Amino acid sequence: MKNSARRFVAALLAAALTAACGGTGGDDSGGEMTLRIAQSSTSVGYFTLYVAQQEGFFEDEGLDIGEPSVLGGDSKVAAALAGGAADIGGGVATTAFLLADGGRDPRIVANLLNSYYVDVIVGNQFSQPPPDATLEEKIQALAGARIGVPAPSGGGAALLQFLFNQVGLDMETDVTMVNLGGSSSGAVGALQTDRVNALVFFQPIGQQVEAQQLGSIYISPSRGDIPDMTDQPHAVAISTAEIVEDKPEEMAAFVRAIARAQELIHVDRARTAELFGTYQSSLDPNTVELLLPVLQREVPDTPVLTEEGYAKTLDFHRVAGLAENAPDFATMSGDDLAGRALDE
């Protein structure tokens, strides 16, 4: 996986160069505050962005974000940031660390989801160990599996590497990795047709699989299956030092809008359910209802990145071999950019 991560960084920088050459660059908005936002998918990790936009919280802050681009992968979000095609990227913390390893000086502007919301999901055809199996035994049982992931170097692959490092398995030799892209229907279909017999995918794929009785959630950090990963920031809003310095008022306005969205998710269940139903329109109402308490538990009370939370995600990525040149907390948080924005 370390070699895969290094190859990812090389590809990222090449993609960034292409993006920089073909990007639109800055815009002339006549003084209006604008930010270009790109996100990797429409997973639950970026629901807060959707809430802030639909409820007009960005507009209330005098900020125009237009229509966020959904790029279909964290590597594409990283390339957009590195190449100047986006001001803020909705991605996983893994993306920030790999940007740092590539010398791109990232900043985590806001914590969007305070839980590692990627699950290991197995199909009905997978031979599971007994119900009382330990975590280590469950990991060992994955040897020889065909495992689908959204991308070769993202949150799914990082979780798998972290788990395999616990028991001495090798991702390149002990399993067959299948890159399925970010499509929810594609992932569920691959499991249903036995193209893969396991998935490592973001929520709500596991809930969809269970609702259709195609398999089950096998290992879930957000469920507490991996104690060391509780309260770990995962979905985050990422920028770069250069962009943050160039757009300080825009970044502060963004943080304040996200804070209002997070508050709504916690206090207004009915409106949250309505918004999530439109955000994930392919989900049936029963699945949405099952997800709501999970979502409310995972969304942090504040977008501020804490030093304790950063330490947890940093430890995870170091074990996975994905944070060789990680910035310290003060640097990655932009000297508490989010906290200062909320104090204004």
Protein backbone atom coordinates (compact mmCIF):
# COMPACT_ATOMS: atom_id res chain seq x y z
CA MET A 1 0.00 0.00 0.00
CA LYS A 2 2.89 2.38 0.65
CA ASN A 3 4.02 1.92 -2.95
CA SER A 4 0.44 2.44 -4.10
CA ALA A 5 0.27 5.67 -2.11
CA ARG A 6 3.49 6.90 -3.64
CA ARG A 7 2.18 6.10 -7.12
CA PHE A 8 -0.98 8.00 -6.21
CA VAL A 9 1.00 11.10 -5.29
CA ALA A 10 2.93 10.96 -8.56
CA ALA A 11 -0.32 10.63 -10.51
CA LEU A 12 -1.86 13.40 -8.41
CA LEU A 13 0.88 15.88 -9.26
CA ALA A 14 0.65 15.02 -12.95
CA ALA A 15 -3.11 15.50 -12.85
CA ALA A 16 -2.68 18.75 -10.98
CA LEU A 17 -0.39 20.07 -13.68
CA THR A 18 -3.00 19.21 -16.29
CA ALA A 19 -5.71 20.88 -14.21
CA ALA A 20 -3.59 23.99 -13.77
CA CYS A 21 -3.03 24.25 -17.51
CA GLY A 22 -6.68 23.72 -18.35
CA GLY A 23 -8.35 25.29 -15.30
CA THR A 24 -10.35 28.46 -15.27
CA GLY A 25 -8.22 30.18 -12.67
CA GLY A 26 -9.59 32.99 -10.56
CA ASP A 27 -12.83 34.74 -11.42
CA ASP A 28 -13.85 38.36 -11.43
CA SER A 29 -17.02 38.49 -9.36
CA GLY A 30 -17.09 42.23 -8.81
CA GLY A 31 -16.24 41.95 -5.11
CA GLU A 32 -18.71 39.20 -4.25
CA MET A 33 -17.27 36.42 -2.10
CA THR A 34 -17.05 33.17 -4.04
CA LEU A 35 -15.59 29.73 -3.48
CA ARG A 36 -15.34 26.86 -5.95
CA ILE A 37 -16.14 23.59 -4.20
CA ALA A 38 -15.39 20.09 -5.42
CA GLN A 39 -16.39 16.95 -3.54
CA SER A 40 -15.48 13.34 -4.13
CA SER A 41 -19.03 11.92 -3.99
CA THR A 42 -22.51 12.41 -2.60
CA SER A 43 -21.85 10.14 0.37
CA VAL A 44 -23.04 10.99 3.88
CA GLY A 45 -19.70 12.67 4.51
CA TYR A 46 -20.72 15.72 2.49
CA PHE A 47 -24.36 15.96 3.55
CA THR A 48 -23.50 19.00 5.70
CA LEU A 49 -22.43 20.88 2.55
CA TYR A 50 -25.78 20.05 0.98
CA VAL A 51 -27.72 21.23 4.04
CA ALA A 52 -25.84 24.53 4.16
CA GLN A 53 -26.54 25.15 0.50
CA GLN A 54 -30.21 24.10 0.52
CA GLU A 55 -30.99 26.13 3.64
CA GLY A 56 -29.30 29.23 2.26
CA PHE A 57 -26.63 29.39 4.96
CA PHE A 58 -23.83 30.18 2.49
CA GLU A 59 -25.94 32.92 0.96
CA ASP A 60 -26.70 34.33 4.41
CA GLU A 61 -22.95 34.66 4.94
CA GLY A 62 -22.58 36.55 1.66
CA LEU A 63 -20.84 33.59 0.02
CA ASP A 64 -21.57 32.21 -3.44
CA ILE A 65 -20.45 28.59 -3.93
CA GLY A 66 -22.31 27.95 -7.16
CA GLU A 67 -23.00 24.26 -7.80
CA PRO A 68 -20.37 22.03 -6.15
CA SER A 69 -18.64 19.67 -8.57
CA VAL A 70 -18.93 15.96 -7.76
CA LEU A 71 -15.73 14.50 -9.17
CA GLY A 72 -16.08 10.80 -8.38
CA GLY A 73 -12.99 10.15 -6.29
CA ASP A 74 -10.69 11.65 -3.66
CA SER A 75 -7.72 11.62 -6.03
CA LYS A 76 -9.65 13.92 -8.37
CA VAL A 77 -10.48 16.27 -5.51
CA ALA A 78 -6.80 16.39 -4.58
CA ALA A 79 -5.85 17.11 -8.20
CA ALA A 80 -8.44 19.91 -8.39
CA LEU A 81 -6.99 21.55 -5.28
CA ALA A 82 -3.39 21.09 -6.34
CA GLY A 83 -4.10 22.36 -9.85
CA GLY A 84 -6.11 25.41 -8.79
CA ALA A 85 -9.44 24.20 -10.16
CA ALA A 86 -11.11 24.26 -6.71
CA ASP A 87 -10.82 26.39 -3.58
CA ILE A 88 -12.24 23.82 -1.16
CA GLY A 89 -12.39 20.07 -1.58
CA GLY A 90 -14.80 17.81 0.23
CA GLY A 91 -12.72 14.70 0.76
CA VAL A 92 -11.44 12.32 3.37
CA ALA A 93 -8.54 13.10 5.68
CA THR A 94 -6.44 10.65 3.66
CA THR A 95 -6.48 13.16 0.81
CA ALA A 96 -5.03 15.88 3.03
CA PHE A 97 -2.16 13.65 4.16
CA LEU A 98 -1.33 12.54 0.64
CA LEU A 99 -1.37 16.15 -0.50
CA ALA A 100 1.12 16.87 2.27
CA ASP A 101 3.30 13.97 1.14
CA GLY A 102 3.19 15.52 -2.33
CA GLY A 103 4.38 18.88 -1.01
CA ARG A 104 1.06 20.69 -1.51
CA ASP A 105 0.71 22.28 1.97
CA PRO A 106 -2.94 21.33 2.77
CA ARG A 107 -5.22 22.87 5.37
CA ILE A 108 -8.28 21.25 6.94
CA VAL A 109 -10.80 24.09 6.94
CA ALA A 110 -13.68 22.24 8.62
CA ASN A 111 -14.49 18.87 10.14
CA LEU A 112 -17.60 17.60 8.34
CA LEU A 113 -18.01 14.13 9.83
CA ASN A 114 -16.43 12.97 13.07
CA SER A 115 -16.48 9.27 12.27
CA TYR A 116 -14.70 6.94 9.88
CA TYR A 117 -17.83 6.28 7.85
CA VAL A 118 -16.40 3.50 5.67
CA ASP A 119 -17.58 -0.06 6.33
CA VAL A 120 -16.34 -3.49 5.36
CA ILE A 121 -19.37 -5.17 3.80
CA VAL A 122 -19.61 -8.82 2.80
CA GLY A 123 -22.03 -10.59 0.50
CA ASN A 124 -24.17 -13.56 1.44
CA GLN A 125 -21.72 -15.84 -0.38
CA PHE A 126 -18.82 -14.82 1.87
CA SER A 127 -17.81 -17.47 4.42
CA GLN A 128 -17.90 -15.57 7.72
CA PRO A 129 -16.23 -16.73 10.93
CA PRO A 130 -18.45 -17.54 13.95
CA PRO A 131 -20.48 -14.68 15.48
CA ASP A 132 -18.17 -14.53 18.51
CA ALA A 133 -15.03 -14.12 16.35
CA THR A 134 -12.54 -11.49 17.39
CA LEU A 135 -11.73 -8.52 15.19
CA GLU A 136 -8.41 -10.15 14.28
CA GLU A 137 -10.19 -13.35 13.21
CA LYS A 138 -12.63 -11.38 11.10
CA ILE A 139 -9.76 -9.58 9.37
CA GLN A 140 -7.91 -12.85 8.72
CA ALA A 141 -11.06 -14.29 7.12
CA LEU A 142 -10.77 -11.67 4.36
CA ALA A 143 -7.63 -13.36 2.97
CA GLY A 144 -8.29 -14.50 -0.57
CA ALA A 145 -11.35 -12.26 -1.01
CA ARG A 146 -12.17 -10.12 -4.03
CA ILE A 147 -12.67 -6.70 -2.45
CA GLY A 148 -14.28 -3.74 -4.18
CA VAL A 149 -13.16 -0.21 -3.28
CA PRO A 150 -14.17 3.24 -4.62
CA ALA A 151 -10.55 4.06 -5.55
CA PRO A 152 -7.10 2.50 -5.11
CA SER A 153 -5.91 5.30 -2.81
CA GLY A 154 -8.79 6.61 -0.72
CA GLY A 155 -10.60 6.04 2.54
CA GLY A 156 -11.61 2.48 1.69
CA ALA A 157 -8.11 1.33 0.78
CA ALA A 158 -6.70 3.16 3.82
CA LEU A 159 -9.06 1.33 6.18
CA LEU A 160 -8.20 -2.02 4.62
CA GLN A 161 -4.47 -1.31 4.92
CA PHE A 162 -4.90 -0.31 8.56
CA LEU A 163 -6.77 -3.54 9.33
CA PHE A 164 -4.35 -5.75 7.40
CA ASN A 165 -1.38 -4.23 9.20
CA GLN A 166 -2.87 -5.51 12.46
CA VAL A 167 -2.63 -9.16 11.36
CA GLY A 168 0.19 -9.23 8.83
CA LEU A 169 -1.86 -9.48 5.64
CA ASP A 170 -0.63 -7.87 2.41
CA MET A 171 -3.12 -5.99 0.23
CA GLU A 172 -1.10 -6.66 -2.91
CA THR A 173 -0.81 -10.43 -2.48
CA ASP A 174 -3.43 -11.69 -0.03
CA VAL A 175 -6.56 -10.21 -1.65
CA THR A 176 -7.71 -9.07 -5.08
CA MET A 177 -8.54 -5.38 -5.10
CA VAL A 178 -11.23 -4.25 -7.57
CA ASN A 179 -11.58 -0.53 -8.31
CA LEU A 180 -15.34 0.08 -8.67
CA GLY A 181 -15.40 3.88 -8.73
CA GLY A 182 -17.74 5.90 -6.56
CA SER A 183 -21.07 4.66 -7.89
CA SER A 184 -23.39 3.28 -5.21
CA SER A 185 -25.38 1.21 -7.68
CA GLY A 186 -22.19 -0.13 -9.23
CA ALA A 187 -20.87 -1.24 -5.85
CA VAL A 188 -24.10 -2.96 -4.83
CA GLY A 189 -24.38 -4.56 -8.26
CA ALA A 190 -20.83 -5.92 -8.09
CA LEU A 191 -21.62 -7.59 -4.78
CA GLN A 192 -24.94 -8.93 -6.03
CA THR A 193 -23.42 -10.50 -9.16
CA ASP A 194 -20.44 -11.93 -7.24
CA ARG A 195 -17.92 -9.82 -9.15
CA VAL A 196 -16.65 -9.11 -5.63
CA ASN A 197 -17.50 -10.87 -2.40
CA ALA A 198 -16.67 -7.92 -0.16
CA LEU A 199 -16.79 -4.14 -0.33
CA VAL A 200 -14.94 -1.45 1.60
CA PHE A 201 -17.26 1.49 0.93
CA PHE A 202 -18.69 4.63 2.45
CA GLN A 203 -22.12 4.82 4.01
CA PRO A 204 -24.91 4.23 3.09
CA ILE A 205 -23.75 1.33 0.87
CA GLY A 206 -23.77 -1.09 3.80
CA GLN A 207 -27.28 -0.09 4.78
CA GLN A 208 -28.45 -0.52 1.18
CA VAL A 209 -26.90 -3.99 1.01
CA GLU A 210 -28.62 -5.01 4.23
CA ALA A 211 -31.96 -3.52 3.17
CA GLN A 212 -31.83 -5.57 -0.05
CA GLN A 213 -30.70 -8.66 1.90
CA LEU A 214 -27.59 -9.02 -0.26
CA GLY A 215 -25.15 -9.22 2.65
CA SER A 216 -24.21 -7.51 5.88
CA ILE A 217 -21.97 -4.86 7.42
CA TYR A 218 -19.00 -6.94 8.59
CA ILE A 219 -16.64 -4.43 10.23
CA SER A 220 -17.74 -0.86 10.98
CA PRO A 221 -15.56 1.78 12.68
CA SER A 222 -18.58 4.02 13.28
CA ARG A 223 -20.37 1.14 15.02
CA GLY A 224 -17.47 0.86 17.46
CA ASP A 225 -15.95 -2.31 16.01
CA ILE A 226 -12.49 -0.69 16.07
CA PRO A 227 -12.13 1.12 19.43
CA ASP A 228 -9.04 3.08 18.39
CA MET A 229 -11.05 4.76 15.62
CA THR A 230 -13.88 6.31 17.63
CA ASP A 231 -14.42 10.07 17.22
CA GLN A 232 -11.94 10.24 14.37
CA PRO A 233 -12.42 13.06 11.83
CA HIS A 234 -12.84 11.58 8.39
CA ALA A 235 -14.86 13.68 5.96
CA VAL A 236 -13.29 17.14 5.94
CA ALA A 237 -13.20 20.34 3.92
CA ILE A 238 -9.67 20.74 2.57
CA SER A 239 -7.88 23.68 1.02
CA THR A 240 -4.27 24.79 0.66
CA ALA A 241 -2.22 27.37 2.51
CA GLU A 242 -2.08 29.56 -0.59
CA ILE A 243 -5.85 29.59 -1.10
CA VAL A 244 -6.58 30.13 2.60
CA GLU A 245 -4.22 33.12 2.65
CA ASP A 246 -5.82 34.52 -0.51
CA LYS A 247 -9.44 34.07 0.65
CA PRO A 248 -9.59 34.46 4.45
CA GLU A 249 -13.05 36.07 4.59
CA GLU A 250 -14.49 33.43 2.27
CA MET A 251 -13.06 30.62 4.41
CA ALA A 252 -14.51 32.16 7.58
CA ALA A 253 -17.93 32.53 5.94
CA PHE A 254 -17.77 28.91 4.79
CA VAL A 255 -17.04 27.68 8.31
CA ARG A 256 -19.91 29.66 9.82
CA ALA A 257 -22.36 28.25 7.26
CA ILE A 258 -21.18 24.70 7.98
CA ALA A 259 -21.62 25.30 11.73
CA ARG A 260 -25.25 26.32 11.16
CA ALA A 261 -25.86 23.21 9.05
CA GLN A 262 -24.41 20.97 11.73
CA GLU A 263 -26.62 22.59 14.35
CA LEU A 264 -29.73 22.01 12.21
CA ILE A 265 -28.86 18.32 11.77
CA HIS A 266 -28.69 17.88 15.53
CA VAL A 267 -31.79 19.83 16.54
CA ASP A 268 -34.30 19.39 13.69
CA ARG A 269 -34.79 15.71 12.95
CA ALA A 270 -37.79 16.22 10.68
CA ARG A 271 -36.05 18.74 8.42
CA THR A 272 -32.87 16.65 8.43
CA ALA A 273 -34.84 13.59 7.29
CA GLU A 274 -36.47 15.61 4.52
CA LEU A 275 -33.15 16.98 3.30
CA PHE A 276 -31.40 13.62 3.48
CA GLY A 277 -34.23 12.07 1.49
CA THR A 278 -33.57 14.51 -1.35
CA TYR A 279 -29.78 14.23 -1.00
CA GLN A 280 -29.94 10.43 -1.26
CA SER A 281 -33.05 10.24 -3.43
CA SER A 282 -32.47 6.60 -4.42
CA LEU A 283 -32.89 5.43 -0.82
CA ASP A 284 -36.26 4.21 0.37
CA PRO A 285 -37.78 6.05 3.39
CA ASN A 286 -37.15 3.12 5.74
CA THR A 287 -33.42 3.17 4.98
CA VAL A 288 -33.32 6.95 5.50
CA GLU A 289 -35.02 6.50 8.87
CA LEU A 290 -32.46 3.87 9.89
CA LEU A 291 -29.59 6.13 8.89
CA LEU A 292 -30.74 9.26 10.70
CA PRO A 293 -29.53 8.34 14.21
CA VAL A 294 -26.23 7.14 12.75
CA LEU A 295 -25.83 10.41 10.85
CA GLN A 296 -26.67 12.57 13.85
CA ARG A 297 -24.11 10.67 15.92
CA GLU A 298 -21.41 11.11 13.28
CA VAL A 299 -21.89 14.81 12.50
CA PRO A 300 -19.78 16.85 14.95
CA ASP A 301 -21.26 19.61 17.08
CA THR A 302 -18.82 22.05 15.53
CA PRO A 303 -16.67 22.19 12.37
CA VAL A 304 -13.60 22.95 14.48
CA LEU A 305 -10.84 20.36 14.08
CA THR A 306 -9.64 19.41 17.57
CA GLU A 307 -6.09 18.49 18.45
CA GLU A 308 -7.26 15.19 19.95
CA GLY A 309 -9.24 14.30 16.84
CA TYR A 310 -6.33 15.20 14.59
CA ALA A 311 -4.01 13.01 16.65
CA LYS A 312 -6.36 10.05 16.15
CA THR A 313 -6.59 10.43 12.41
CA LEU A 314 -2.85 11.03 12.17
CA ASP A 315 -2.09 7.84 14.12
CA PHE A 316 -4.44 5.88 11.85
CA HIS A 317 -2.80 7.14 8.68
CA ARG A 318 0.70 6.53 10.00
CA VAL A 319 -0.18 2.90 10.74
CA ALA A 320 -1.60 2.65 7.21
CA GLY A 321 1.60 4.15 5.76
CA LEU A 322 -0.16 7.22 4.41
CA ALA A 323 1.23 10.12 6.45
CA GLU A 324 5.00 10.22 6.05
CA ASN A 325 5.23 14.03 6.00
CA ALA A 326 2.20 15.06 8.00
CA PRO A 327 2.04 18.67 9.23
CA ASP A 328 1.60 19.34 12.93
CA PHE A 329 -1.85 20.21 14.24
CA ALA A 330 -1.37 23.99 14.21
CA THR A 331 -0.28 23.91 10.59
CA MET A 332 -2.98 21.53 9.32
CA SER A 333 -5.74 23.44 11.14
CA GLY A 334 -4.51 26.78 9.80
CA ASP A 335 -3.83 27.95 13.35
CA ASP A 336 -7.40 27.01 14.30
CA LEU A 337 -8.95 28.70 11.27
CA ALA A 338 -12.40 27.28 12.05
CA GLY A 339 -12.30 28.28 15.72
CA ARG A 340 -11.28 31.82 14.86
CA ALA A 341 -14.05 32.07 12.26
CA LEU A 342 -16.69 31.12 14.82
CA ASP A 343 -15.30 33.63 17.31
CA GLU A 344 -15.71 36.55 14.90
